[in-house]
C-alpha atoms as a PDB file:
ATOM      1  CA  MET A   1     -15.772  -6.520   7.809  1.00  0.00           C
ATOM      2  CA  SER A   2     -13.380  -4.203   6.289  1.00  0.00           C
ATOM      3  CA  ALA A   3      -9.559  -4.912   6.320  1.00  0.00           C
ATOM      4  CA  TYR A   4      -6.387  -2.736   5.513  1.00  0.00           C
ATOM      5  CA  PHE A   5      -3.406  -2.874   3.788  1.00  0.00           C
ATOM      6  CA  ILE A   6      -0.636  -0.837   5.408  1.00  0.00           C
ATOM      7  CA  ALA A   7       2.684  -0.254   3.595  1.00  0.00           C
ATOM      8  CA  ASN A   8       5.670   1.510   4.973  1.00  0.00           C
ATOM      9  CA  ILE A   9       7.833   2.306   2.321  1.00  0.00           C
ATOM     10  CA  ARG A  10      11.520   3.969   1.871  1.00  0.00           C
ATOM     11  CA  ILE A  11      11.640   5.108  -1.749  1.00  0.00           C
ATOM     12  CA  LYS A  12      14.940   4.760  -3.850  1.00  0.00           C
ATOM     13  CA  ASP A  13      13.838   5.747  -7.121  1.00  0.00           C
ATOM     14  CA  ASP A  14      11.245   8.496  -7.347  1.00  0.00           C
ATOM     15  CA  GLN A  15      10.539   8.217 -10.920  1.00  0.00           C
ATOM     16  CA  LEU A  16       9.784   4.320 -10.960  1.00  0.00           C
ATOM     17  CA  MET A  17       7.586   4.889  -7.782  1.00  0.00           C
ATOM     18  CA  LYS A  18       5.688   7.686  -9.655  1.00  0.00           C
ATOM     19  CA  GLU A  19       5.008   4.960 -12.451  1.00  0.00           C
ATOM     20  CA  TYR A  20       3.819   2.638 -10.010  1.00  0.00           C
ATOM     21  CA  ASN A  21       1.570   4.825  -8.204  1.00  0.00           C
ATOM     22  CA  GLN A  22       0.105   5.996 -11.668  1.00  0.00           C
ATOM     23  CA  GLU A  23      -0.668   2.233 -12.424  1.00  0.00           C
ATOM     24  CA  LEU A  24      -2.282   1.479  -8.888  1.00  0.00           C
ATOM     25  CA  GLY A  25      -4.698   4.367  -8.439  1.00  0.00           C
ATOM     26  CA  ASP A  26      -7.440   2.678 -10.409  1.00  0.00           C
ATOM     27  CA  MET A  27      -6.484  -0.639  -9.731  1.00  0.00           C
ATOM     28  CA  VAL A  28      -7.289  -0.280  -6.082  1.00  0.00           C
ATOM     29  CA  MET A  29     -10.686   1.197  -6.976  1.00  0.00           C
ATOM     30  CA  ARG A  30     -11.479  -1.729  -9.407  1.00  0.00           C
ATOM     31  CA  TRP A  31     -10.959  -4.014  -6.451  1.00  0.00           C
ATOM     32  CA  GLY A  32     -13.014  -2.171  -4.211  1.00  0.00           C
ATOM     33  CA  GLY A  33     -10.188  -0.360  -2.314  1.00  0.00           C
ATOM     34  CA  GLU A  34      -9.976   3.065  -0.803  1.00  0.00           C
ATOM     35  CA  TYR A  35      -6.901   5.076  -0.304  1.00  0.00           C
ATOM     36  CA  LEU A  36      -7.331   6.514   3.524  1.00  0.00           C
ATOM     37  CA  ALA A  37      -3.799   7.856   3.925  1.00  0.00           C
ATOM     38  CA  VAL A  38      -0.880   8.635   1.918  1.00  0.00           C
ATOM     39  CA  ASP A  39       1.984  10.375   3.938  1.00  0.00           C
ATOM     40  CA  ASP A  40       5.336  11.354   3.310  1.00  0.00           C
ATOM     41  CA  SER A  41       6.070  12.950   6.414  1.00  0.00           C
ATOM     42  CA  PRO A  42       4.309  11.297   9.183  1.00  0.00           C
ATOM     43  CA  ILE A  43       4.921  12.825  12.545  1.00  0.00           C
ATOM     44  CA  ILE A  44       6.966  10.352  14.896  1.00  0.00           C
ATOM     45  CA  LEU A  45       5.539  10.002  18.329  1.00  0.00           C
ATOM     46  CA  GLU A  46       7.474   7.141  19.538  1.00  0.00           C
ATOM     47  CA  GLY A  47      10.137   4.871  18.279  1.00  0.00           C
ATOM     48  CA  GLU A  48      12.064   5.412  14.784  1.00  0.00           C
ATOM     49  CA  TRP A  49      10.669   5.469  11.281  1.00  0.00           C
ATOM     50  CA  PRO A  50      13.259   4.921   8.571  1.00  0.00           C
ATOM     51  CA  HIS A  51      10.647   5.049   6.039  1.00  0.00           C
ATOM     52  CA  THR A  52       9.849   7.812   3.310  1.00  0.00           C
ATOM     53  CA  ARG A  53       5.845   7.055   3.137  1.00  0.00           C
ATOM     54  CA  LEU A  54       3.117   5.346   4.782  1.00  0.00           C
ATOM     55  CA  VAL A  55       0.061   4.170   2.852  1.00  0.00           C
ATOM     56  CA  LEU A  56      -3.060   2.795   4.210  1.00  0.00           C
ATOM     57  CA  LEU A  57      -5.693   1.364   1.849  1.00  0.00           C
ATOM     58  CA  ARG A  58      -9.097   0.057   3.077  1.00  0.00           C
ATOM     59  CA  PHE A  59     -10.806  -2.889   1.281  1.00  0.00           C
ATOM     60  CA  PRO A  60     -14.113  -4.828   1.863  1.00  0.00           C
ATOM     61  CA  ASP A  61     -12.375  -7.696   3.545  1.00  0.00           C
ATOM     62  CA  GLN A  62      -9.112  -9.711   4.003  1.00  0.00           C
ATOM     63  CA  GLU A  63     -10.143 -11.984   1.082  1.00  0.00           C
ATOM     64  CA  THR A  64     -10.252  -9.341  -1.435  1.00  0.00           C
ATOM     65  CA  ILE A  65      -6.765  -7.843  -0.485  1.00  0.00           C
ATOM     66  CA  GLN A  66      -5.429 -11.320  -0.835  1.00  0.00           C
ATOM     67  CA  LYS A  67      -7.084 -11.887  -4.295  1.00  0.00           C
ATOM     68  CA  TRP A  68      -5.795  -8.266  -5.437  1.00  0.00           C
ATOM     69  CA  TYR A  69      -2.370  -8.779  -3.983  1.00  0.00           C
ATOM     70  CA  ASP A  70      -1.932 -12.152  -5.737  1.00  0.00           C
ATOM     71  CA  SER A  71      -3.622 -10.996  -8.956  1.00  0.00           C
ATOM     72  CA  GLU A  72      -1.646 -11.136 -12.131  1.00  0.00           C
ATOM     73  CA  GLU A  73      -2.397  -7.590 -12.576  1.00  0.00           C
ATOM     74  CA  TYR A  74      -0.983  -6.399  -9.248  1.00  0.00           C
ATOM     75  CA  GLN A  75       1.971  -8.752  -9.407  1.00  0.00           C
ATOM     76  CA  ARG A  76       3.034  -7.081 -12.821  1.00  0.00           C
ATOM     77  CA  VAL A  77       2.982  -3.564 -11.164  1.00  0.00           C
ATOM     78  CA  LEU A  78       4.376  -4.838  -7.642  1.00  0.00           C
ATOM     79  CA  LYS A  79       7.702  -5.223  -9.492  1.00  0.00           C
ATOM     80  CA  MET A  80       8.115  -1.796 -10.069  1.00  0.00           C
ATOM     81  CA  ARG A  81       7.660  -0.932  -6.277  1.00  0.00           C
ATOM     82  CA  LEU A  82       9.902  -3.613  -5.174  1.00  0.00           C
ATOM     83  CA  ASP A  83      12.410  -2.205  -7.531  1.00  0.00           C
ATOM     84  CA  ALA A  84      11.786   1.580  -6.558  1.00  0.00           C
ATOM     85  CA  SER A  85      11.831   1.022  -2.713  1.00  0.00           C
ATOM     86  CA  ASP A  86      12.467  -0.955   0.524  1.00  0.00           C
ATOM     87  CA  CYS A  87       8.783  -1.831   1.590  1.00  0.00           C
ATOM     88  CA  ASN A  88       7.168  -3.659   4.617  1.00  0.00           C
ATOM     89  CA  THR A  89       3.257  -4.261   3.873  1.00  0.00           C
ATOM     90  CA  ILE A  90       1.009  -5.814   6.367  1.00  0.00           C
ATOM     91  CA  MET A  91      -2.895  -6.685   6.039  1.00  0.00           C
ATOM     92  CA  ILE A  92      -5.036  -6.334   9.309  1.00  0.00           C
ATOM     93  CA  LYS A  93      -8.510  -6.963   9.717  1.00  0.00           C
ATOM     94  CA  GLY A  94     -10.796  -4.212  11.003  1.00  0.00           C
ATOM     95  CA  LYS A  95     -12.682  -4.447  14.239  1.00  0.00           C
ATOM     96  CA  LYS A  96     -15.474  -2.507  15.955  1.00  0.00           C
ATOM     97  CA  LEU A  97     -14.886  -1.730  19.534  1.00  0.00           C
END
């Protein structure tokens, strides 16, 4: 069953984040991932939104997300995102209703 990686990001360094995104695009696809949404101005319906970007990725399953996230390849690139932004990320599993 599909699983999703969600990142709520507050960007502090636009240039470094751009470099991170350039590295990330093909990598996500190599791991079987797909970008479902990237939004720099989501519409707030309730609550507060202290972020400047939301990213939603879909992967085949949670195991694939965990392997991608823990991989040496991603950990090398992850440092750029951590330096360029404040970020909260979560992994959720999909469910058919």
